[in-house]
Amino acid sequence: MESQLELVLLHALPFDAAMWTEQQNVLPGHTHAPTMYGLGETLPQWASEILGSLRGDRLIVVGNSVGGSCALEMAVLAPERIAAVVLIGANAGHRRDSALRTEAAELLGNSGVGAAWDLYWDPLISSFAPSALRARAKSWATNLDWRAIAKGVEAFHTRPDRNDFLPRLECPVVCISGENDVAPGPVVTIRQARSAKDGRLTIVPQCGHYVPFEKPAVLNGILHSLIDELS
């Protein structure tokens, strides 16, 4: 008899687990949404800490943006425990940009999360999103300490390149992008889905970078279908 599936939800910058509010009941009693900033200095450290905190061996790991990068690190470390990987607005590849990393860290430290939100993260939300949703997302970010988000920025900008790992993954790799996302956007997402052995693709209309709260019903439908398939 196969063990219980577990859902692991890994947040994007500049959020914590609050961004997964609409996904908490997709797999009741078997859902984990850690806040990652305090788990170490690098994404491999985050991945190791998360794996160590979980007992299950059939993990559906869902990551948005930096969370997707962390999901891949979990699959690198323990592929035998990963039932599926869901990458939302996530780029397996990486070219380091030390100037942008330094700029973001300085803006967070000197001007605060609100200023960094306005410059970096608010533009990633689709123009179709209601103003109330945009304000709610900003409140999630500004409720966090700037130092925590700066640690996330550092981990994100120093992450390994995992483009070559995607084709080696044996489990389903579900690649999702908002139609209006630019980081990395539909073109990269399509390429990643094609490179995986069992790649699946969804492009979400009228949606930006943050599918979990911009279009929660779409994501929840994908997750329910995946859970049914793997059960």
Foldseek 3Di string as FASTA:
>chain_A
DDDDEAEEEEEDPPFFQVLQPLVQVLPDPRYHGGGQLPQDQALLSSLVVVVVVDDAQAYEQEYFAVSLLSQVSVCVVRVRSYQEYEYFLYFLFADADVVVLVVLLVCCVPPNQLVSCVVPPLVQWFPLFDPVLSVVVSVRNRVDRSVSSNSVSSNNRPGHRCLVVQQVRPHEYEFEYECAEVSVHDVSSVVSQVSHPRRHYDYHYRGGRSCCRRPVVVVSVVVSVSSVVSD
